Amino acid sequence: MREKTRVVCDTMIWYYIAEGNIILEIDVDLVATGVSIQEFASSENIYKKPELVKNALKAMQNYHFEIIEFDPWDYIITFCVDISYEPISRELHKNNLNGFSHFINGTFDEALKSIEQREKLENFILNWNEPLVELTNNMNFAIDKIRKERAKKFNKRENIKDLEDGGLLLEIKEMILDIISARLNISKDEIGEKFNWEKIELLVKMWELHWIQILRQNGAKIHLNDIFDLLNMAYVSEKDKYWTLEKSWLVLMKSNSVTAKYVYEIP
């Protein structure tokens, strides 16, 4: 029997399915991720447009082949560093999935109408997204540092010449190792010796391409939504495809032969 293609979905795919913009007559295995769980859980639409979120969650519930119920860093550790690692984020993500079921069933409808409950949700969203906000700030700090260093070496006309020399890729890998090292509380050298970068090829290459794109625009910054979108690609292994309808990401993915092979489009 033919093995189905494993297709990791960005969060908006579930919204498109719910709204009928995608007709699912496809023979693939759709994968929902911990990033999508976080995006749903931290969406202001939970109280602003609850029916919209409910329908997207129903689509995810009905059409997924697999839900990866832990964050991208735990996924990277498990599949690139140590297969025996037990993801520390799994319980929290399972709790959120359980909460989604109650949300879909209308358990929280009345509570969500109260100002007090909305304030609690706003605080929850702020706390939930805090690590990603910190990562976004760290990335922008790194981008600013690279800009300043490059400004000393090159004039404006020369400035884009060596962006693709591999230096940015090394910076990105160092950042990933820093995060993994902190989570595992072991040295980067120890991690680096056994890290399988091939398993997150899409993530690291798209991260590099995105940084190049940002550096080519004066004053451009990385935004929180960019981090959600990028980290969702961490779940894409070497044999998988990635499904997004976000035009900017599709253009970027198709611009490079390394990343273009991961693009999924309905036949």
Protein backbone atom coordinates (compact mmCIF):
# COMPACT_ATOMS: atom_id res chain seq x y z
CA MET A 1 0.00 0.00 0.00
CA ARG A 2 1.28 3.47 -0.92
CA GLU A 3 2.49 5.52 2.02
CA LYS A 4 0.61 8.81 2.26
CA THR A 5 2.44 12.11 2.23
CA ARG A 6 2.65 13.74 5.63
CA VAL A 7 1.61 17.38 5.27
CA VAL A 8 2.24 19.82 8.12
CA CYS A 9 -0.37 22.60 8.05
CA ASP A 10 -0.06 26.20 9.05
CA THR A 11 -2.82 27.43 11.36
CA MET A 12 -4.71 29.32 8.67
CA ILE A 13 -5.32 26.08 6.75
CA TRP A 14 -7.79 25.02 9.44
CA TYR A 15 -9.64 28.34 9.07
CA TYR A 16 -9.75 27.93 5.27
CA ILE A 17 -11.14 24.39 5.64
CA ALA A 18 -13.75 25.62 8.12
CA GLU A 19 -14.85 28.41 5.77
CA GLY A 20 -15.14 26.04 2.80
CA ASN A 21 -12.29 27.68 0.90
CA ILE A 22 -10.49 24.33 0.71
CA ILE A 23 -12.29 21.20 -0.45
CA LEU A 24 -10.58 18.20 1.08
CA GLU A 25 -10.54 15.59 -1.65
CA ILE A 26 -6.86 14.82 -1.13
CA ASP A 27 -5.08 11.62 -0.20
CA VAL A 28 -2.58 12.98 2.34
CA ASP A 29 -2.11 12.91 6.11
CA LEU A 30 -2.72 16.38 7.58
CA VAL A 31 -0.67 17.26 10.66
CA ALA A 32 -1.68 19.88 13.24
CA THR A 33 1.07 21.26 15.46
CA GLY A 34 1.82 22.63 18.89
CA VAL A 35 2.28 26.04 17.28
CA SER A 36 -1.30 25.92 16.00
CA ILE A 37 -2.46 24.95 19.49
CA GLN A 38 -0.65 28.00 20.85
CA GLU A 39 -2.02 30.28 18.14
CA PHE A 40 -5.59 29.17 18.82
CA ALA A 41 -5.14 29.41 22.59
CA SER A 42 -3.64 32.90 22.39
CA SER A 43 -6.02 34.34 19.82
CA GLU A 44 -8.11 37.36 20.80
CA ASN A 45 -10.75 35.91 18.49
CA ILE A 46 -11.61 33.44 21.25
CA TYR A 47 -13.71 36.23 22.76
CA LYS A 48 -13.99 38.59 19.77
CA LYS A 49 -15.06 36.03 17.13
CA PRO A 50 -15.69 32.79 19.05
CA GLU A 51 -17.66 31.08 16.25
CA LEU A 52 -14.79 31.63 13.82
CA VAL A 53 -12.34 29.93 16.19
CA LYS A 54 -14.80 27.14 17.03
CA ASN A 55 -15.23 26.29 13.36
CA ALA A 56 -11.46 26.25 12.76
CA LEU A 57 -10.97 24.00 15.79
CA LYS A 58 -13.70 21.67 14.52
CA ALA A 59 -11.90 21.49 11.17
CA MET A 60 -8.66 20.61 12.93
CA GLN A 61 -10.48 18.06 15.09
CA ASN A 62 -12.23 16.44 12.12
CA TYR A 63 -9.53 16.39 9.48
CA HIS A 64 -6.22 15.89 11.25
CA PHE A 65 -4.30 12.64 10.89
CA GLU A 66 -1.99 13.64 13.73
CA ILE A 67 -1.80 16.42 16.32
CA ILE A 68 1.66 17.07 17.72
CA GLU A 69 0.83 18.18 21.23
CA PHE A 70 4.10 19.83 22.23
CA ASP A 71 6.06 22.91 21.30
CA PRO A 72 8.60 23.13 18.44
CA TRP A 73 11.64 23.12 20.74
CA ASP A 74 10.53 19.85 22.34
CA TYR A 75 9.90 18.47 18.86
CA ILE A 76 13.39 19.46 17.71
CA ILE A 77 14.97 17.92 20.81
CA THR A 78 13.02 14.67 20.39
CA PHE A 79 13.76 14.16 16.69
CA CYS A 80 17.12 15.89 16.25
CA VAL A 81 18.89 15.32 19.58
CA ASP A 82 17.44 12.64 21.88
CA ILE A 83 14.58 10.32 20.90
CA SER A 84 14.13 9.30 24.57
CA TYR A 85 13.45 12.89 25.67
CA GLU A 86 10.01 13.43 27.25
CA PRO A 87 8.55 16.76 26.04
CA ILE A 88 7.96 19.10 28.99
CA SER A 89 5.32 21.06 27.04
CA ARG A 90 3.09 18.07 26.29
CA GLU A 91 0.85 18.29 29.38
CA LEU A 92 0.12 22.00 28.84
CA HIS A 93 -0.76 21.44 25.20
CA LYS A 94 -2.97 18.46 26.08
CA ASN A 95 -4.78 20.63 28.62
CA ASN A 96 -5.38 23.23 25.92
CA LEU A 97 -6.74 20.60 23.54
CA ASN A 98 -9.10 19.48 26.28
CA GLY A 99 -10.12 23.11 26.82
CA PHE A 100 -10.80 23.47 23.10
CA SER A 101 -13.32 20.61 23.30
CA HIS A 102 -15.22 22.43 26.07
CA PHE A 103 -14.98 25.70 24.13
CA ILE A 104 -16.44 24.09 21.00
CA ASN A 105 -19.29 22.63 23.05
CA GLY A 106 -20.24 26.08 24.36
CA THR A 107 -19.18 25.49 27.97
CA PHE A 108 -17.49 28.90 28.19
CA ASP A 109 -19.96 30.95 26.10
CA GLU A 110 -21.53 32.81 29.00
CA ALA A 111 -18.25 33.29 30.87
CA LEU A 112 -16.65 34.87 27.79
CA LYS A 113 -19.24 37.64 27.84
CA SER A 114 -17.96 39.00 31.16
CA ILE A 115 -15.35 41.76 31.33
CA GLU A 116 -13.58 39.92 34.15
CA GLN A 117 -13.19 36.76 32.07
CA ARG A 118 -11.90 38.76 29.10
CA GLU A 119 -9.28 40.39 31.30
CA LYS A 120 -8.20 36.95 32.53
CA LEU A 121 -7.90 35.77 28.93
CA GLU A 122 -5.89 38.84 27.94
CA ASN A 123 -3.45 38.16 30.81
CA PHE A 124 -3.27 34.49 29.86
CA ILE A 125 -2.47 35.42 26.25
CA LEU A 126 0.28 37.82 27.36
CA ASN A 127 1.87 35.16 29.61
CA TRP A 128 1.47 32.39 27.03
CA ASN A 129 3.19 34.41 24.32
CA GLU A 130 5.94 35.85 26.55
CA PRO A 131 8.67 33.35 25.48
CA LEU A 132 7.94 34.02 21.81
CA VAL A 133 7.94 37.78 22.37
CA GLU A 134 11.36 37.37 24.00
CA LEU A 135 12.58 35.30 21.03
CA THR A 136 11.25 37.95 18.64
CA ASN A 137 13.13 40.66 20.55
CA ASN A 138 16.32 38.56 20.55
CA MET A 139 16.06 38.05 16.80
CA ASN A 140 15.57 41.76 16.20
CA PHE A 141 18.55 42.48 18.44
CA ALA A 142 20.63 40.05 16.36
CA ILE A 143 19.38 41.62 13.11
CA ASP A 144 20.28 45.13 14.35
CA LYS A 145 23.73 43.93 15.36
CA ILE A 146 24.32 42.35 11.94
CA ARG A 147 23.11 45.55 10.22
CA LYS A 148 25.56 47.68 12.20
CA GLU A 149 28.46 45.31 11.53
CA ARG A 150 27.67 45.23 7.83
CA ALA A 151 27.34 49.03 7.64
CA LYS A 152 30.97 49.31 8.79
CA LYS A 153 32.16 46.92 6.06
CA PHE A 154 30.06 47.86 3.03
CA ASN A 155 28.56 50.87 1.33
CA LYS A 156 24.86 50.72 0.38
CA ARG A 157 25.53 49.29 -3.08
CA GLU A 158 27.77 46.52 -1.74
CA ASN A 159 25.63 45.72 1.28
CA ILE A 160 23.67 42.76 -0.14
CA LYS A 161 26.58 41.03 -1.88
CA ASP A 162 27.55 38.47 0.74
CA LEU A 163 24.25 37.90 2.59
CA GLU A 164 24.10 34.36 1.24
CA ASP A 165 27.63 33.33 2.20
CA GLY A 166 26.42 31.07 5.04
CA GLY A 167 27.22 33.45 7.89
CA LEU A 168 23.56 34.04 8.74
CA LEU A 169 22.91 30.31 8.76
CA LEU A 170 25.63 29.86 11.39
CA GLU A 171 24.05 32.64 13.51
CA ILE A 172 20.67 30.93 13.29
CA LYS A 173 22.06 27.52 14.23
CA GLU A 174 23.83 29.07 17.22
CA MET A 175 20.55 30.64 18.34
CA ILE A 176 18.76 27.29 18.06
CA LEU A 177 21.54 25.55 20.01
CA ASP A 178 21.37 28.26 22.71
CA ILE A 179 17.65 27.58 23.22
CA ILE A 180 18.06 23.79 23.23
CA SER A 181 21.05 24.04 25.57
CA ALA A 182 19.06 26.13 28.05
CA ARG A 183 16.14 23.71 27.97
CA LEU A 184 18.28 20.60 28.44
CA ASN A 185 20.79 22.31 30.73
CA ILE A 186 23.77 20.84 28.87
CA SER A 187 26.51 22.47 26.83
CA LYS A 188 26.04 23.51 23.22
CA ASP A 189 29.13 21.49 22.28
CA GLU A 190 27.55 18.33 23.62
CA ILE A 191 24.32 19.00 21.69
CA GLY A 192 26.10 19.99 18.50
CA GLU A 193 27.94 16.67 18.26
CA LYS A 194 24.72 14.69 17.85
CA PHE A 195 22.34 17.27 16.36
CA ASN A 196 20.70 16.10 13.10
CA TRP A 197 20.23 19.34 11.16
CA GLU A 198 18.79 17.52 8.14
CA LYS A 199 15.59 16.88 10.04
CA ILE A 200 14.87 20.62 10.33
CA GLU A 201 16.27 21.70 6.97
CA LEU A 202 13.13 23.66 6.07
CA LEU A 203 13.15 25.60 9.34
CA VAL A 204 16.80 26.68 9.26
CA LYS A 205 16.81 27.53 5.54
CA MET A 206 13.56 29.51 5.73
CA TRP A 207 14.86 31.28 8.83
CA GLU A 208 17.96 32.27 6.83
CA LEU A 209 15.93 33.39 3.79
CA HIS A 210 13.64 35.44 6.02
CA TRP A 211 16.58 37.15 7.71
CA ILE A 212 18.10 37.95 4.30
CA GLN A 213 14.76 39.44 3.24
CA ILE A 214 14.60 41.56 6.42
CA LEU A 215 18.20 42.74 6.07
CA ARG A 216 17.54 43.90 2.52
CA GLN A 217 14.87 46.30 3.80
CA ASN A 218 16.10 49.28 5.79
CA GLY A 219 14.63 49.27 9.30
CA ALA A 220 12.53 46.14 8.72
CA LYS A 221 11.75 44.09 11.86
CA ILE A 222 10.66 40.58 12.67
CA HIS A 223 7.13 40.36 14.10
CA LEU A 224 5.53 37.86 16.49
CA ASN A 225 3.40 36.36 13.71
CA ASP A 226 6.60 35.71 11.73
CA ILE A 227 7.89 33.66 14.66
CA PHE A 228 4.70 31.58 14.82
CA ASP A 229 4.94 30.91 11.08
CA LEU A 230 8.65 30.08 11.13
CA LEU A 231 8.52 27.80 14.17
CA ASN A 232 5.61 25.89 12.68
CA MET A 233 8.10 24.72 10.04
CA ALA A 234 10.14 22.99 12.76
CA TYR A 235 7.69 20.07 12.58
CA VAL A 236 8.50 19.41 8.93
CA SER A 237 10.94 16.51 8.56
CA GLU A 238 12.93 15.69 5.45
CA LYS A 239 10.18 13.58 3.81
CA ASP A 240 7.28 15.89 4.65
CA LYS A 241 5.50 18.73 2.87
CA TYR A 242 4.38 22.07 4.28
CA TRP A 243 0.99 23.58 3.49
CA THR A 244 0.47 27.32 3.66
CA LEU A 245 -1.56 29.73 1.56
CA GLU A 246 0.29 32.77 2.88
CA LYS A 247 1.58 34.37 -0.31
CA SER A 248 4.72 35.91 1.22
CA TRP A 249 5.87 32.57 2.65
CA LEU A 250 5.02 30.69 -0.55
CA VAL A 251 7.04 33.12 -2.65
CA LEU A 252 9.98 32.79 -0.26
CA MET A 253 9.78 28.99 -0.15
CA LYS A 254 9.64 28.73 -3.94
CA SER A 255 12.58 31.10 -4.36
CA ASN A 256 15.11 28.47 -3.28
CA SER A 257 15.57 24.87 -4.46
CA VAL A 258 16.25 23.64 -0.91
CA THR A 259 12.89 24.89 0.40
CA ALA A 260 10.80 24.63 -2.80
CA LYS A 261 10.69 20.84 -2.54
CA TYR A 262 8.74 21.11 0.73
CA VAL A 263 5.88 23.18 -0.73
CA TYR A 264 2.51 21.38 -0.75
CA GLU A 265 -0.18 22.46 -3.18
CA ILE A 266 -3.44 20.71 -3.98
CA PRO A 267 -2.96 18.82 -7.28
